[in-house]
Amino acid sequence: MRTRTAAARVAARAHEPRCPRHAGAPEPTRAAARPAPRGYDARLPRHFLTGEELAPAELHALLDRAAELKAAPLASQALAGRSVALIFEQPSTRTRVSFEAGVAELGGHPMVLRPGELQLSRGESVRDTARVLSRHVAAIGLRTGDEALLHELADGATVPVVNMLSPLHHPCQALADLLTLREARGDLAGGRLAYVGDGNNVARSLAIVGTLAGVEIAIAAPPGYDIEDGRGAELTTDPAVAVAGADAVYTDVWVSMSDPPAEADARRAALAAYRLDDALLDRAGPGAFALHCLPAHPGEEITESVLYGPRQRIWDQAENRRHVQKALLELVCTPARMG
């Protein structure tokens, strides 16, 4: 799901000391303790805002756990007797369905909150909202068009805050993308994933989380639509260069509902050469397949024959959102167990 790329990154925020997680929550069911990342402080909540919060080994362990939960969806009751607040400022299909179903499968209650249902709409501060929600839920998910609001919520919360989508980042989507690539290849080592089109939040999260996992990420975008920092990804304006040798070729919508109508035609013209079609897939590695985070506009960023044909894993990718998010919630809602 594309959102408009912000003009600049939000400045890093200084985090004040926070209270420990509330005691009394049931111990989640886990097969083994996950290693604590470098610099982890058990007194602070485990936020997941960009994907950079994970150490590489921890990311791979999360994907292992997601595969286990996909094979046995009801195997964990890590959220039994607990609630997760899911705040949606924008309409959602995959994010809402995957998080709501995932929390329920973990034994928890998904508390879906929409615009107008919180006192935020009547002027209550984000800080006060974060403090109140933290007294009632195990974690808070936020899908927002305001990057600063996401960080303000995380600053005020004493439970984990998960970025379900923001203007600059879509890290949960990137986790699902990696699981899908791993299922296809059997291993992420030596993998190459190419993204073609608008350098938006999806592309940025692929660059961050993909390179963290050791995957070779290439991003092809026209001038003016590229990301400002590749975070180790290969950046190019040529889609043929990006897809060369790729195991998967990824795209996202060119025009979203947040774009002004006057801008839509210019976007389509600038991105026309980046359409994901069979000819572009033919330039990728043997057996390469298409990915798309959806919703799709057949005939624009992707052809109908690719979207619904045999050379894609798009619908597996959409399902995998639920499995990786369950593994993520297990991780951030479980206090680190040190030996």
Protein backbone atom coordinates (compact mmCIF):
# COMPACT_ATOMS: atom_id res chain seq x y z
CA MET A 1 0.00 0.00 0.00
CA ARG A 2 1.61 3.22 -1.14
CA THR A 3 1.47 6.48 0.81
CA ARG A 4 2.97 9.72 -0.38
CA THR A 5 6.69 9.98 0.42
CA ALA A 6 7.45 12.73 2.94
CA ALA A 7 9.84 15.47 1.89
CA ALA A 8 12.30 14.65 4.63
CA ARG A 9 12.77 12.14 7.40
CA VAL A 10 11.34 12.99 10.76
CA ALA A 11 14.15 14.05 13.09
CA ALA A 12 15.29 11.42 15.54
CA ARG A 13 13.51 11.76 18.85
CA ALA A 14 15.21 11.59 22.23
CA HIS A 15 13.51 8.95 24.34
CA GLU A 16 12.92 9.66 28.00
CA PRO A 17 13.05 6.75 30.49
CA ARG A 18 9.79 4.82 30.54
CA CYS A 19 8.06 2.68 33.11
CA PRO A 20 8.50 -1.10 32.99
CA ARG A 21 5.78 -3.18 31.36
CA HIS A 22 2.80 -3.75 33.58
CA ALA A 23 3.14 -6.86 35.72
CA GLY A 24 0.54 -9.54 35.95
CA ALA A 25 0.15 -10.46 32.27
CA PRO A 26 0.19 -14.22 31.61
CA GLU A 27 3.48 -15.61 30.34
CA PRO A 28 3.17 -16.20 26.56
CA THR A 29 3.56 -19.72 25.24
CA ARG A 30 6.95 -19.98 23.50
CA ALA A 31 9.06 -22.87 22.33
CA ALA A 32 12.31 -21.10 23.24
CA ALA A 33 13.51 -17.70 24.39
CA ARG A 34 14.55 -15.29 21.67
CA PRO A 35 17.96 -13.61 22.01
CA ALA A 36 17.83 -10.01 23.15
CA PRO A 37 19.26 -7.59 20.55
CA ARG A 38 22.31 -5.51 21.26
CA GLY A 39 21.47 -2.55 23.46
CA TYR A 40 18.10 -3.98 24.49
CA ASP A 41 16.73 -2.65 27.80
CA ALA A 42 14.01 -4.89 29.28
CA ARG A 43 12.60 -1.87 31.14
CA LEU A 44 11.57 -0.23 27.86
CA PRO A 45 8.85 -1.34 25.43
CA ARG A 46 9.95 -3.11 22.25
CA HIS A 47 8.66 -0.74 19.59
CA PHE A 48 8.70 -1.76 15.92
CA LEU A 49 8.62 1.45 13.88
CA THR A 50 11.07 1.04 10.98
CA GLY A 51 12.46 -2.51 11.21
CA GLU A 52 15.85 -1.22 12.29
CA GLU A 53 14.96 -2.24 15.85
CA LEU A 54 15.76 -5.89 15.02
CA ALA A 55 19.20 -7.46 15.02
CA PRO A 56 19.89 -9.67 11.95
CA ALA A 57 19.82 -12.90 13.98
CA GLU A 58 16.59 -11.79 15.64
CA LEU A 59 15.02 -11.05 12.25
CA HIS A 60 15.85 -14.53 10.98
CA ALA A 61 14.48 -16.06 14.20
CA LEU A 62 11.27 -14.08 13.69
CA LEU A 63 10.92 -15.48 10.16
CA ASP A 64 11.55 -18.99 11.51
CA ARG A 65 8.78 -18.46 14.04
CA ALA A 66 6.44 -17.07 11.37
CA ALA A 67 6.93 -20.24 9.32
CA GLU A 68 6.10 -22.33 12.38
CA LEU A 69 2.94 -20.33 13.01
CA LYS A 70 1.92 -20.61 9.39
CA ALA A 71 2.18 -24.40 9.65
CA ALA A 72 0.22 -24.42 12.94
CA PRO A 73 -1.85 -21.20 13.17
CA LEU A 74 -3.35 -21.97 16.58
CA ALA A 75 -0.16 -23.26 18.20
CA SER A 76 0.45 -20.12 20.27
CA GLN A 77 -1.70 -18.44 22.89
CA ALA A 78 0.84 -15.69 23.57
CA LEU A 79 -1.92 -13.06 23.88
CA ALA A 80 -4.44 -15.12 25.87
CA GLY A 81 -6.47 -12.83 28.10
CA ARG A 82 -4.87 -9.71 26.63
CA SER A 83 -5.92 -7.03 24.14
CA VAL A 84 -4.10 -5.22 21.34
CA ALA A 85 -5.25 -1.75 20.29
CA LEU A 86 -5.27 -1.36 16.48
CA ILE A 87 -5.67 2.30 15.47
CA PHE A 88 -6.61 2.92 11.84
CA GLU A 89 -6.57 6.51 10.59
CA GLN A 90 -7.02 5.26 7.02
CA PRO A 91 -9.07 2.59 5.26
CA SER A 92 -7.42 -0.84 5.24
CA THR A 93 -8.00 -4.33 3.92
CA ARG A 94 -4.86 -6.47 4.31
CA THR A 95 -3.45 -4.70 7.36
CA ARG A 96 -6.70 -4.74 9.29
CA VAL A 97 -7.68 -8.30 8.38
CA SER A 98 -4.22 -9.76 9.00
CA PHE A 99 -3.71 -8.03 12.35
CA GLU A 100 -7.23 -8.65 13.61
CA ALA A 101 -7.20 -12.32 12.63
CA GLY A 102 -3.66 -12.74 13.92
CA VAL A 103 -4.37 -11.30 17.36
CA ALA A 104 -7.42 -13.56 17.65
CA GLU A 105 -5.37 -16.64 16.66
CA LEU A 106 -2.88 -15.75 19.41
CA GLY A 107 -5.76 -15.86 21.89
CA GLY A 108 -6.06 -12.09 22.26
CA HIS A 109 -8.73 -9.48 21.64
CA PRO A 110 -8.12 -7.10 18.70
CA MET A 111 -9.46 -3.70 19.78
CA VAL A 112 -10.02 -1.89 16.46
CA LEU A 113 -10.19 1.91 16.84
CA ARG A 114 -11.17 4.21 13.97
CA PRO A 115 -11.12 7.99 13.45
CA GLY A 116 -13.72 9.67 15.60
CA GLU A 117 -13.77 6.87 18.18
CA LEU A 118 -10.97 8.32 20.30
CA GLN A 119 -10.78 11.61 22.16
CA LEU A 120 -7.84 12.43 19.90
CA SER A 121 -10.46 13.71 17.48
CA ARG A 122 -11.59 16.18 20.16
CA GLY A 123 -8.18 17.50 21.11
CA GLU A 124 -6.81 15.03 23.67
CA SER A 125 -3.04 14.81 23.37
CA VAL A 126 -1.26 11.85 21.82
CA ARG A 127 0.80 11.53 24.99
CA ASP A 128 -2.28 11.18 27.18
CA THR A 129 -3.85 8.71 24.75
CA ALA A 130 -0.67 6.62 24.81
CA ARG A 131 -0.62 6.58 28.60
CA VAL A 132 -4.25 5.50 28.88
CA LEU A 133 -4.02 2.78 26.23
CA SER A 134 -0.86 1.43 27.87
CA ARG A 135 -2.85 0.70 31.04
CA HIS A 136 -5.25 -1.59 29.16
CA VAL A 137 -3.51 -3.32 26.25
CA ALA A 138 -0.45 -5.46 25.57
CA ALA A 139 0.53 -3.49 22.46
CA ILE A 140 -0.63 -0.68 20.18
CA GLY A 141 -0.68 -0.83 16.39
CA LEU A 142 -1.00 2.39 14.39
CA ARG A 143 -1.73 2.95 10.71
CA THR A 144 -1.26 6.65 10.07
CA GLY A 145 -0.56 9.35 7.53
CA ASP A 146 1.47 11.32 10.10
CA GLU A 147 5.01 10.15 10.84
CA ALA A 148 5.35 12.52 13.80
CA LEU A 149 2.21 11.10 15.42
CA LEU A 150 3.71 7.59 15.26
CA HIS A 151 6.84 8.68 17.10
CA GLU A 152 4.89 10.73 19.61
CA LEU A 153 2.72 7.72 20.40
CA ALA A 154 5.81 5.56 20.88
CA ASP A 155 7.40 8.20 23.12
CA GLY A 156 4.36 8.22 25.40
CA ALA A 157 3.53 4.51 25.47
CA THR A 158 4.78 2.01 28.04
CA VAL A 159 3.76 -0.94 25.85
CA PRO A 160 5.14 -1.81 22.40
CA VAL A 161 3.97 0.33 19.48
CA VAL A 162 3.92 -1.36 16.07
CA ASN A 163 3.95 0.65 12.85
CA MET A 164 1.16 -0.82 10.72
CA LEU A 165 1.93 1.78 7.99
CA SER A 166 3.24 5.34 8.00
CA PRO A 167 4.30 7.78 5.27
CA LEU A 168 7.96 6.76 5.47
CA HIS A 169 7.83 3.10 6.48
CA HIS A 170 5.87 -0.15 6.05
CA PRO A 171 8.05 -2.62 7.99
CA CYS A 172 5.39 -5.30 8.60
CA GLN A 173 4.93 -5.56 4.84
CA ALA A 174 8.68 -6.06 4.40
CA LEU A 175 8.61 -8.95 6.88
CA ALA A 176 5.91 -10.65 4.81
CA ASP A 177 7.91 -10.03 1.64
CA LEU A 178 10.96 -11.75 3.13
CA LEU A 179 8.93 -14.74 4.30
CA THR A 180 7.48 -15.08 0.79
CA LEU A 181 10.92 -14.91 -0.80
CA ARG A 182 12.26 -17.47 1.68
CA GLU A 183 9.39 -19.87 0.92
CA ALA A 184 10.18 -19.66 -2.79
CA ARG A 185 13.97 -20.07 -2.49
CA GLY A 186 14.22 -22.19 0.63
CA ASP A 187 16.73 -19.71 2.05
CA LEU A 188 17.33 -15.97 1.93
CA ALA A 189 21.11 -16.31 1.57
CA GLY A 190 22.19 -15.17 -1.89
CA GLY A 191 18.71 -13.90 -2.73
CA ARG A 192 18.08 -10.81 -4.86
CA LEU A 193 14.84 -8.83 -4.81
CA ALA A 194 14.18 -5.99 -7.26
CA TYR A 195 11.65 -3.24 -6.69
CA VAL A 196 10.53 -1.12 -9.65
CA GLY A 197 8.41 2.03 -9.59
CA ASP A 198 7.70 4.71 -7.02
CA GLY A 199 10.34 4.97 -4.27
CA ASN A 200 7.83 5.08 -1.44
CA ASN A 201 7.48 3.68 2.07
CA VAL A 202 7.37 0.10 0.76
CA ALA A 203 10.64 0.55 -1.14
CA ARG A 204 12.27 2.17 1.88
CA SER A 205 11.26 -0.68 4.19
CA LEU A 206 12.54 -3.25 1.71
CA ALA A 207 15.88 -1.45 1.67
CA ILE A 208 16.06 -1.43 5.47
CA VAL A 209 14.66 -4.84 6.39
CA GLY A 210 15.85 -6.68 3.29
CA THR A 211 19.48 -5.66 3.66
CA LEU A 212 19.25 -6.43 7.39
CA ALA A 213 18.30 -9.99 6.40
CA GLY A 214 21.25 -10.23 4.01
CA VAL A 215 19.15 -10.05 0.84
CA GLU A 216 20.45 -8.10 -2.13
CA ILE A 217 17.90 -5.33 -2.73
CA ALA A 218 17.78 -3.31 -5.95
CA ILE A 219 15.42 -0.37 -6.40
CA ALA A 220 14.68 1.20 -9.79
CA ALA A 221 12.79 4.51 -9.76
CA PRO A 222 12.72 7.52 -12.07
CA PRO A 223 14.34 10.80 -10.99
CA GLY A 224 12.13 12.59 -8.50
CA TYR A 225 10.52 9.35 -7.34
CA ASP A 226 13.58 7.66 -5.84
CA ILE A 227 14.36 7.15 -2.16
CA GLU A 228 16.97 9.46 -0.67
CA ASP A 229 18.90 6.76 1.17
CA GLY A 230 19.24 3.21 -0.09
CA ARG A 231 20.45 1.81 3.28
CA GLY A 232 22.71 -0.61 1.41
CA ALA A 233 20.31 -1.24 -1.47
CA GLU A 234 21.38 -0.80 -5.09
CA LEU A 235 19.70 2.32 -6.51
CA THR A 236 19.19 2.83 -10.24
CA THR A 237 16.88 4.52 -12.72
CA ASP A 238 16.95 1.53 -15.09
CA PRO A 239 14.44 -1.26 -14.32
CA ALA A 240 16.36 -3.72 -16.52
CA VAL A 241 19.47 -3.21 -14.39
CA ALA A 242 17.51 -3.70 -11.17
CA VAL A 243 15.83 -6.94 -12.22
CA ALA A 244 18.95 -8.60 -13.67
CA GLY A 245 19.43 -11.85 -11.76
CA ALA A 246 16.53 -11.13 -9.40
CA ASP A 247 14.55 -13.92 -7.77
CA ALA A 248 11.52 -11.65 -7.43
CA VAL A 249 10.35 -8.41 -9.01
CA TYR A 250 8.20 -6.17 -6.83
CA THR A 251 6.00 -3.17 -7.55
CA ASP A 252 3.39 -0.96 -5.88
CA VAL A 253 0.66 1.41 -7.06
CA TRP A 254 1.64 4.59 -8.87
CA VAL A 255 -1.32 6.70 -7.77
CA SER A 256 -3.07 6.42 -4.41
CA MET A 257 -6.15 8.05 -2.98
CA SER A 258 -3.97 10.58 -1.14
CA ASP A 259 -2.53 11.99 -4.38
CA PRO A 260 -4.11 15.16 -5.82
CA PRO A 261 -6.00 14.39 -9.07
CA ALA A 262 -3.87 16.95 -10.91
CA GLU A 263 -0.75 14.94 -10.03
CA ALA A 264 -2.05 11.55 -11.17
CA ASP A 265 -1.38 11.96 -14.89
CA ALA A 266 2.15 13.22 -14.27
CA ARG A 267 2.87 10.24 -12.03
CA ARG A 268 1.59 7.75 -14.61
CA ALA A 269 3.72 9.34 -17.33
CA ALA A 270 6.87 9.34 -15.22
CA LEU A 271 6.43 5.71 -14.10
CA ALA A 272 5.16 4.15 -17.36
CA ALA A 273 8.53 2.57 -18.16
CA TYR A 274 8.49 0.77 -14.80
CA ARG A 275 5.42 -1.39 -15.42
CA LEU A 276 5.78 -4.97 -14.17
CA ASP A 277 4.92 -7.18 -17.13
CA ASP A 278 6.06 -10.50 -18.57
CA ALA A 279 8.79 -8.80 -20.61
CA LEU A 280 10.35 -7.33 -17.45
CA LEU A 281 10.09 -10.68 -15.65
CA ASP A 282 11.88 -12.29 -18.60
CA ARG A 283 14.87 -10.02 -17.83
CA ALA A 284 15.07 -11.32 -14.24
CA GLY A 285 16.63 -14.55 -13.00
CA PRO A 286 15.35 -18.03 -13.92
CA GLY A 287 11.99 -18.72 -12.32
CA ALA A 288 11.58 -15.13 -11.15
CA PHE A 289 8.15 -14.23 -9.82
CA ALA A 290 6.18 -11.05 -9.22
CA LEU A 291 5.31 -9.46 -5.88
CA HIS A 292 2.87 -6.64 -5.11
CA CYS A 293 1.76 -5.37 -1.69
CA LEU A 294 -1.74 -4.51 -3.04
CA PRO A 295 -4.19 -3.03 -3.82
CA ALA A 296 -3.25 -3.29 -7.48
CA HIS A 297 -4.30 -1.30 -10.52
CA PRO A 298 -4.08 -3.81 -13.40
CA GLY A 299 -2.88 -2.09 -16.55
CA GLU A 300 -0.93 0.56 -14.66
CA GLU A 301 1.94 -0.64 -12.44
CA ILE A 302 1.32 -4.32 -13.23
CA THR A 303 -0.34 -6.16 -16.09
CA GLU A 304 -3.37 -8.33 -15.48
CA SER A 305 -1.58 -11.35 -16.94
CA VAL A 306 1.16 -11.08 -14.30
CA LEU A 307 -1.14 -10.20 -11.40
CA TYR A 308 -3.36 -13.24 -11.93
CA GLY A 309 -0.97 -15.51 -13.80
CA PRO A 310 1.39 -18.32 -12.78
CA ARG A 311 4.48 -16.11 -12.40
CA GLN A 312 3.49 -14.47 -9.12
CA ARG A 313 3.30 -15.14 -5.38
CA ILE A 314 1.24 -12.05 -4.59
CA TRP A 315 -1.60 -13.83 -2.80
CA ASP A 316 0.83 -15.88 -0.69
CA GLN A 317 2.51 -12.58 0.12
CA ALA A 318 -0.79 -11.09 1.30
CA GLU A 319 -1.47 -14.11 3.54
CA ASN A 320 2.02 -13.97 5.00
CA ARG A 321 1.25 -10.62 6.61
CA ARG A 322 -0.72 -12.49 9.29
CA HIS A 323 1.99 -15.01 10.07
CA VAL A 324 4.90 -12.56 10.39
CA GLN A 325 2.81 -10.15 12.44
CA LYS A 326 1.91 -12.92 14.88
CA ALA A 327 5.60 -13.73 15.29
CA LEU A 328 6.32 -10.04 15.77
CA LEU A 329 3.62 -9.64 18.43
CA GLU A 330 4.99 -12.67 20.26
CA LEU A 331 8.41 -11.06 20.26
CA VAL A 332 7.52 -7.53 21.35
CA CYS A 333 4.90 -8.59 23.91
CA THR A 334 7.17 -11.14 25.61
CA PRO A 335 9.69 -9.81 28.16
CA ALA A 336 13.18 -10.97 27.28
CA ARG A 337 14.21 -14.06 29.21
CA MET A 338 17.86 -13.82 30.01
CA GLY A 339 19.74 -16.99 30.94
